[in-house]
PDB file of all heavy atoms in Angstrom:
ATOM      1  N   VAL A   1      80.919  90.962  57.918  1.00  0.00           N
ATOM      2  CA  VAL A   1      81.970  90.701  56.848  1.00  0.00           C
ATOM      3  C   VAL A   1      83.218  90.128  57.493  1.00  0.00           C
ATOM      4  O   VAL A   1      83.561  90.402  58.632  1.00  0.00           O
ATOM      5  CB  VAL A   1      82.389  92.106  56.136  1.00  0.00           C
ATOM      6  CG1 VAL A   1      83.013  93.085  57.023  1.00  0.00           C
ATOM      7  CG2 VAL A   1      83.209  91.706  54.923  1.00  0.00           C
ATOM      8  N   GLN A   2      83.936  89.326  56.771  1.00  0.00           N
ATOM      9  CA  GLN A   2      85.115  88.631  57.308  1.00  0.00           C
ATOM     10  C   GLN A   2      86.352  89.672  57.261  1.00  0.00           C
ATOM     11  O   GLN A   2      86.343  90.565  56.326  1.00  0.00           O
ATOM     12  CB  GLN A   2      85.422  87.417  56.498  1.00  0.00           C
ATOM     13  CG  GLN A   2      84.503  86.278  56.681  1.00  0.00           C
ATOM     14  CD  GLN A   2      84.989  85.060  55.908  1.00  0.00           C
ATOM     15  OE1 GLN A   2      85.883  85.090  55.094  1.00  0.00           O
ATOM     16  NE2 GLN A   2      84.483  83.866  56.362  1.00  0.00           N
ATOM     17  N   PRO A   3      87.251  89.548  58.037  1.00  0.00           N
ATOM     18  CA  PRO A   3      88.461  90.380  58.043  1.00  0.00           C
ATOM     19  C   PRO A   3      89.141  90.317  56.668  1.00  0.00           C
ATOM     20  O   PRO A   3      89.142  89.202  55.968  1.00  0.00           O
ATOM     21  CB  PRO A   3      89.465  89.647  59.083  1.00  0.00           C
ATOM     22  CG  PRO A   3      88.424  89.081  60.126  1.00  0.00           C
ATOM     23  CD  PRO A   3      87.306  88.567  59.241  1.00  0.00           C
ATOM     24  N   GLY A   4      89.455  91.530  56.273  1.00  0.00           N
ATOM     25  CA  GLY A   4      89.991  91.657  54.897  1.00  0.00           C
ATOM     26  C   GLY A   4      88.999  91.896  53.864  1.00  0.00           C
ATOM     27  O   GLY A   4      89.236  92.343  52.719  1.00  0.00           O
ATOM     28  N   GLY A   5      87.749  91.875  54.193  1.00  0.00           N
ATOM     29  CA  GLY A   5      86.584  92.143  53.329  1.00  0.00           C
ATOM     30  C   GLY A   5      86.312  93.547  53.090  1.00  0.00           C
ATOM     31  O   GLY A   5      86.992  94.502  53.623  1.00  0.00           O
ATOM     32  N   SER A   6      85.251  93.817  52.391  1.00  0.00           N
ATOM     33  CA  SER A   6      84.736  95.142  52.077  1.00  0.00           C
ATOM     34  C   SER A   6      83.320  95.374  52.298  1.00  0.00           C
ATOM     35  O   SER A   6      82.526  94.389  52.018  1.00  0.00           O
ATOM     36  CB  SER A   6      85.128  95.601  50.642  1.00  0.00           C
ATOM     37  OG  SER A   6      86.548  95.521  50.369  1.00  0.00           O
ATOM     38  N   LEU A   7      82.947  96.618  52.567  1.00  0.00           N
ATOM     39  CA  LEU A   7      81.548  97.061  52.599  1.00  0.00           C
ATOM     40  C   LEU A   7      81.480  98.394  52.078  1.00  0.00           C
ATOM     41  O   LEU A   7      82.458  99.328  52.278  1.00  0.00           O
ATOM     42  CB  LEU A   7      81.039  97.063  54.089  1.00  0.00           C
ATOM     43  CG  LEU A   7      80.638  95.616  54.696  1.00  0.00           C
ATOM     44  CD1 LEU A   7      80.227  95.914  56.173  1.00  0.00           C
ATOM     45  CD2 LEU A   7      79.490  94.997  53.867  1.00  0.00           C
ATOM     46  N   ARG A   8      80.296  98.844  51.560  1.00  0.00           N
ATOM     47  CA  ARG A   8      80.058 100.224  51.209  1.00  0.00           C
ATOM     48  C   ARG A   8      78.866 100.771  51.919  1.00  0.00           C
ATOM     49  O   ARG A   8      77.876 100.237  51.687  1.00  0.00           O
ATOM     50  CB  ARG A   8      79.998 100.447  49.726  1.00  0.00           C
ATOM     51  CG  ARG A   8      79.813 101.873  49.299  1.00  0.00           C
ATOM     52  CD  ARG A   8      79.696 102.070  47.857  1.00  0.00           C
ATOM     53  NE  ARG A   8      78.245 101.756  47.380  1.00  0.00           N
ATOM     54  CZ  ARG A   8      77.814 102.123  46.162  1.00  0.00           C
ATOM     55  NH1 ARG A   8      78.726 102.851  45.253  1.00  0.00           N
ATOM     56  NH2 ARG A   8      76.664 101.812  45.805  1.00  0.00           N
ATOM     57  N   LEU A   9      79.041 101.731  52.748  1.00  0.00           N
ATOM     58  CA  LEU A   9      77.936 102.291  53.479  1.00  0.00           C
ATOM     59  C   LEU A   9      77.425 103.503  52.684  1.00  0.00           C
ATOM     60  O   LEU A   9      78.167 104.155  52.016  1.00  0.00           O
ATOM     61  CB  LEU A   9      78.418 102.929  54.856  1.00  0.00           C
ATOM     62  CG  LEU A   9      79.087 101.906  55.737  1.00  0.00           C
ATOM     63  CD1 LEU A   9      79.414 102.448  57.119  1.00  0.00           C
ATOM     64  CD2 LEU A   9      78.211 100.566  55.873  1.00  0.00           C
ATOM     65  N   SER A  10      76.110 103.697  52.793  1.00  0.00           N
ATOM     66  CA  SER A  10      75.560 104.799  52.043  1.00  0.00           C
ATOM     67  C   SER A  10      74.732 105.736  53.120  1.00  0.00           C
ATOM     68  O   SER A  10      74.254 105.270  54.065  1.00  0.00           O
ATOM     69  CB  SER A  10      74.454 104.316  51.048  1.00  0.00           C
ATOM     70  OG  SER A  10      74.957 103.499  50.162  1.00  0.00           O
ATOM     71  N   CYS A  11      74.772 107.017  52.763  1.00  0.00           N
ATOM     72  CA  CYS A  11      74.094 108.065  53.616  1.00  0.00           C
ATOM     73  C   CYS A  11      73.291 108.791  52.677  1.00  0.00           C
ATOM     74  O   CYS A  11      73.769 109.507  51.826  1.00  0.00           O
ATOM     75  CB  CYS A  11      75.082 108.950  54.315  1.00  0.00           C
ATOM     76  SG  CYS A  11      74.311 110.285  55.261  1.00  0.00           S
ATOM     77  N   ALA A  12      71.886 108.652  52.781  1.00  0.00           N
ATOM     78  CA  ALA A  12      70.986 109.333  51.926  1.00  0.00           C
ATOM     79  C   ALA A  12      70.090 110.248  52.637  1.00  0.00           C
ATOM     80  O   ALA A  12      69.947 110.132  53.784  1.00  0.00           O
ATOM     81  CB  ALA A  12      70.144 108.274  51.153  1.00  0.00           C
ATOM     82  N   SER A  13      69.631 111.285  51.827  1.00  0.00           N
ATOM     83  CA  SER A  13      68.713 112.230  52.362  1.00  0.00           C
ATOM     84  C   SER A  13      67.451 112.267  51.531  1.00  0.00           C
ATOM     85  O   SER A  13      67.579 112.308  50.339  1.00  0.00           O
ATOM     86  CB  SER A  13      69.366 113.655  52.449  1.00  0.00           C
ATOM     87  OG  SER A  13      68.303 114.604  52.710  1.00  0.00           O
ATOM     88  N   SER A  14      66.278 112.309  52.248  1.00  0.00           N
ATOM     89  CA  SER A  14      65.009 112.496  51.468  1.00  0.00           C
ATOM     90  C   SER A  14      64.620 113.848  51.528  1.00  0.00           C
ATOM     91  O   SER A  14      63.591 114.154  51.035  1.00  0.00           O
ATOM     92  CB  SER A  14      63.976 111.519  52.231  1.00  0.00           C
ATOM     93  OG  SER A  14      63.759 111.967  53.560  1.00  0.00           O
ATOM     94  N   GLY A  15      65.374 114.755  52.154  1.00  0.00           N
ATOM     95  CA  GLY A  15      65.050 116.194  52.225  1.00  0.00           C
ATOM     96  C   GLY A  15      65.898 117.062  51.366  1.00  0.00           C
ATOM     97  O   GLY A  15      65.977 116.931  50.243  1.00  0.00           O
ATOM     98  N   ASP A  16      66.736 117.807  52.114  1.00  0.00           N
ATOM     99  CA  ASP A  16      67.574 118.702  51.404  1.00  0.00           C
ATOM    100  C   ASP A  16      68.638 118.118  50.592  1.00  0.00           C
ATOM    101  O   ASP A  16      68.904 116.952  50.758  1.00  0.00           O
ATOM    102  CB  ASP A  16      68.151 119.708  52.477  1.00  0.00           C
ATOM    103  CG  ASP A  16      68.557 121.098  51.913  1.00  0.00           C
ATOM    104  OD1 ASP A  16      68.364 121.330  50.633  1.00  0.00           O
ATOM    105  OD2 ASP A  16      68.833 122.014  52.752  1.00  0.00           O
ATOM    106  N   THR A  17      69.313 118.874  49.695  1.00  0.00           N
ATOM    107  CA  THR A  17      70.388 118.401  48.911  1.00  0.00           C
ATOM    108  C   THR A  17      71.675 118.309  49.775  1.00  0.00           C
ATOM    109  O   THR A  17      72.101 119.297  50.339  1.00  0.00           O
ATOM    110  CB  THR A  17      70.650 119.428  47.784  1.00  0.00           C
ATOM    111  OG1 THR A  17      69.466 119.585  47.009  1.00  0.00           O
ATOM    112  CG2 THR A  17      71.806 118.931  46.892  1.00  0.00           C
ATOM    113  N   LEU A  18      72.204 117.051  49.796  1.00  0.00           N
ATOM    114  CA  LEU A  18      73.372 116.814  50.595  1.00  0.00           C
ATOM    115  C   LEU A  18      74.584 117.565  50.230  1.00  0.00           C
ATOM    116  O   LEU A  18      75.499 117.890  50.983  1.00  0.00           O
ATOM    117  CB  LEU A  18      73.730 115.372  50.665  1.00  0.00           C
ATOM    118  CG  LEU A  18      72.765 114.441  51.555  1.00  0.00           C
ATOM    119  CD1 LEU A  18      73.270 113.091  51.462  1.00  0.00           C
ATOM    120  CD2 LEU A  18      72.604 114.968  52.906  1.00  0.00           C
ATOM    121  N   ASP A  19      74.658 118.021  48.877  1.00  0.00           N
ATOM    122  CA  ASP A  19      75.871 118.739  48.439  1.00  0.00           C
ATOM    123  C   ASP A  19      75.939 120.077  49.242  1.00  0.00           C
ATOM    124  O   ASP A  19      77.003 120.605  49.134  1.00  0.00           O
ATOM    125  CB  ASP A  19      75.690 118.923  46.994  1.00  0.00           C
ATOM    126  CG  ASP A  19      77.019 119.402  46.268  1.00  0.00           C
ATOM    127  OD1 ASP A  19      78.084 118.975  46.631  1.00  0.00           O
ATOM    128  OD2 ASP A  19      76.862 120.262  45.494  1.00  0.00           O
ATOM    129  N   TYR A  20      74.942 120.610  49.795  1.00  0.00           N
ATOM    130  CA  TYR A  20      74.952 121.750  50.575  1.00  0.00           C
ATOM    131  C   TYR A  20      75.740 121.713  51.871  1.00  0.00           C
ATOM    132  O   TYR A  20      75.964 122.733  52.534  1.00  0.00           O
ATOM    133  CB  TYR A  20      73.585 122.421  50.876  1.00  0.00           C
ATOM    134  CG  TYR A  20      72.937 122.679  49.614  1.00  0.00           C
ATOM    135  CD1 TYR A  20      71.472 122.943  49.525  1.00  0.00           C
ATOM    136  CD2 TYR A  20      73.507 122.973  48.359  1.00  0.00           C
ATOM    137  CE1 TYR A  20      70.642 123.104  48.470  1.00  0.00           C
ATOM    138  CE2 TYR A  20      72.758 123.433  47.144  1.00  0.00           C
ATOM    139  CZ  TYR A  20      71.448 123.415  47.340  1.00  0.00           C
ATOM    140  OH  TYR A  20      70.612 123.698  46.161  1.00  0.00           O
ATOM    141  N   TYR A  21      76.023 120.385  52.272  1.00  0.00           N
ATOM    142  CA  TYR A  21      76.417 120.137  53.601  1.00  0.00           C
ATOM    143  C   TYR A  21      77.841 119.498  53.747  1.00  0.00           C
ATOM    144  O   TYR A  21      78.120 118.709  52.660  1.00  0.00           O
ATOM    145  CB  TYR A  21      75.446 119.254  54.425  1.00  0.00           C
ATOM    146  CG  TYR A  21      74.066 119.899  54.537  1.00  0.00           C
ATOM    147  CD1 TYR A  21      73.099 119.707  53.508  1.00  0.00           C
ATOM    148  CD2 TYR A  21      73.633 120.430  55.800  1.00  0.00           C
ATOM    149  CE1 TYR A  21      71.838 120.256  53.690  1.00  0.00           C
ATOM    150  CE2 TYR A  21      72.457 120.956  55.915  1.00  0.00           C
ATOM    151  CZ  TYR A  21      71.554 120.879  54.896  1.00  0.00           C
ATOM    152  OH  TYR A  21      70.234 121.490  55.047  1.00  0.00           O
ATOM    153  N   THR A  22      78.503 119.719  54.680  1.00  0.00           N
ATOM    154  CA  THR A  22      79.692 118.854  54.971  1.00  0.00           C
ATOM    155  C   THR A  22      79.059 117.552  55.651  1.00  0.00           C
ATOM    156  O   THR A  22      78.300 117.635  56.567  1.00  0.00           O
ATOM    157  CB  THR A  22      80.672 119.578  55.891  1.00  0.00           C
ATOM    158  OG1 THR A  22      81.331 120.570  55.244  1.00  0.00           O
ATOM    159  CG2 THR A  22      81.721 118.634  56.452  1.00  0.00           C
ATOM    160  N   ILE A  23      79.555 116.468  55.109  1.00  0.00           N
ATOM    161  CA  ILE A  23      79.063 115.171  55.659  1.00  0.00           C
ATOM    162  C   ILE A  23      80.227 114.438  56.440  1.00  0.00           C
ATOM    163  O   ILE A  23      81.329 114.377  55.799  1.00  0.00           O
ATOM    164  CB  ILE A  23      78.578 114.277  54.500  1.00  0.00           C
ATOM    165  CG1 ILE A  23      77.486 115.036  53.678  1.00  0.00           C
ATOM    166  CG2 ILE A  23      78.095 112.930  55.062  1.00  0.00           C
ATOM    167  CD1 ILE A  23      76.259 115.367  54.530  1.00  0.00           C
ATOM    168  N   GLY A  24      79.970 113.937  57.540  1.00  0.00           N
ATOM    169  CA  GLY A  24      80.932 113.114  58.256  1.00  0.00           C
ATOM    170  C   GLY A  24      80.413 111.770  58.607  1.00  0.00           C
ATOM    171  O   GLY A  24      79.156 111.426  58.705  1.00  0.00           O
ATOM    172  N   TRP A  25      81.378 110.852  58.683  1.00  0.00           N
ATOM    173  CA  TRP A  25      81.083 109.528  59.069  1.00  0.00           C
ATOM    174  C   TRP A  25      81.709 109.274  60.423  1.00  0.00           C
ATOM    175  O   TRP A  25      82.845 109.625  60.599  1.00  0.00           O
ATOM    176  CB  TRP A  25      81.530 108.430  58.058  1.00  0.00           C
ATOM    177  CG  TRP A  25      80.710 108.271  56.893  1.00  0.00           C
ATOM    178  CD1 TRP A  25      80.895 108.797  55.754  1.00  0.00           C
ATOM    179  CD2 TRP A  25      79.531 107.483  56.785  1.00  0.00           C
ATOM    180  NE1 TRP A  25      79.896 108.372  54.801  1.00  0.00           N
ATOM    181  CE2 TRP A  25      79.020 107.509  55.487  1.00  0.00           C
ATOM    182  CE3 TRP A  25      78.774 106.625  57.774  1.00  0.00           C
ATOM    183  CZ2 TRP A  25      77.897 106.893  55.038  1.00  0.00           C
ATOM    184  CZ3 TRP A  25      77.666 105.972  57.287  1.00  0.00           C
ATOM    185  CH2 TRP A  25      77.221 106.070  55.976  1.00  0.00           C
ATOM    186  N   PHE A  26      80.963 108.850  61.409  1.00  0.00           N
ATOM    187  CA  PHE A  26      81.434 108.499  62.768  1.00  0.00           C
ATOM    188  C   PHE A  26      81.131 107.134  63.053  1.00  0.00           C
ATOM    189  O   PHE A  26      80.329 106.479  62.409  1.00  0.00           O
ATOM    190  CB  PHE A  26      80.777 109.454  63.738  1.00  0.00           C
ATOM    191  CG  PHE A  26      81.192 110.894  63.512  1.00  0.00           C
ATOM    192  CD1 PHE A  26      80.542 111.590  62.540  1.00  0.00           C
ATOM    193  CD2 PHE A  26      82.167 111.424  64.226  1.00  0.00           C
ATOM    194  CE1 PHE A  26      80.888 112.909  62.400  1.00  0.00           C
ATOM    195  CE2 PHE A  26      82.504 112.753  64.099  1.00  0.00           C
ATOM    196  CZ  PHE A  26      81.800 113.587  63.122  1.00  0.00           C
ATOM    197  N   ARG A  27      81.794 106.529  64.074  1.00  0.00           N
ATOM    198  CA  ARG A  27      81.463 105.158  64.545  1.00  0.00           C
ATOM    199  C   ARG A  27      81.574 105.123  66.024  1.00  0.00           C
ATOM    200  O   ARG A  27      82.380 105.854  66.657  1.00  0.00           O
ATOM    201  CB  ARG A  27      82.490 104.183  63.846  1.00  0.00           C
ATOM    202  CG  ARG A  27      83.831 104.296  64.207  1.00  0.00           C
ATOM    203  CD  ARG A  27      84.698 103.307  63.381  1.00  0.00           C
ATOM    204  NE  ARG A  27      86.116 103.334  63.763  1.00  0.00           N
ATOM    205  CZ  ARG A  27      86.990 102.771  63.130  1.00  0.00           C
ATOM    206  NH1 ARG A  27      86.715 101.917  62.034  1.00  0.00           N
ATOM    207  NH2 ARG A  27      88.365 102.809  63.358  1.00  0.00           N
ATOM    208  N   ARG A  28      80.871 104.255  66.644  1.00  0.00           N
ATOM    209  CA  ARG A  28      81.019 103.957  68.008  1.00  0.00           C
ATOM    210  C   ARG A  28      81.062 102.474  68.286  1.00  0.00           C
ATOM    211  O   ARG A  28      80.064 101.783  67.935  1.00  0.00           O
ATOM    212  CB  ARG A  28      79.838 104.528  68.781  1.00  0.00           C
ATOM    213  CG  ARG A  28      79.742 104.198  70.288  1.00  0.00           C
ATOM    214  CD  ARG A  28      78.782 104.974  71.011  1.00  0.00           C
ATOM    215  NE  ARG A  28      79.160 106.270  71.225  1.00  0.00           N
ATOM    216  CZ  ARG A  28      78.335 107.272  71.738  1.00  0.00           C
ATOM    217  NH1 ARG A  28      77.001 106.980  71.791  1.00  0.00           N
ATOM    218  NH2 ARG A  28      78.756 108.569  71.951  1.00  0.00           N
ATOM    219  N   ALA A  29      82.119 102.002  68.728  1.00  0.00           N
ATOM    220  CA  ALA A  29      82.246 100.596  69.186  1.00  0.00           C
ATOM    221  C   ALA A  29      81.808 100.358  70.565  1.00  0.00           C
ATOM    222  O   ALA A  29      81.847 101.312  71.437  1.00  0.00           O
ATOM    223  CB  ALA A  29      83.765 100.237  68.970  1.00  0.00           C
TER     224      ALA A  29
END
């Protein structure tokens, strides 16, 4: 994406219900 643009990341689970968990987003440059 160009600077100033937008993206939406998704985190999905095929197993347990995510509402039961604290979810964090991390990044590594």
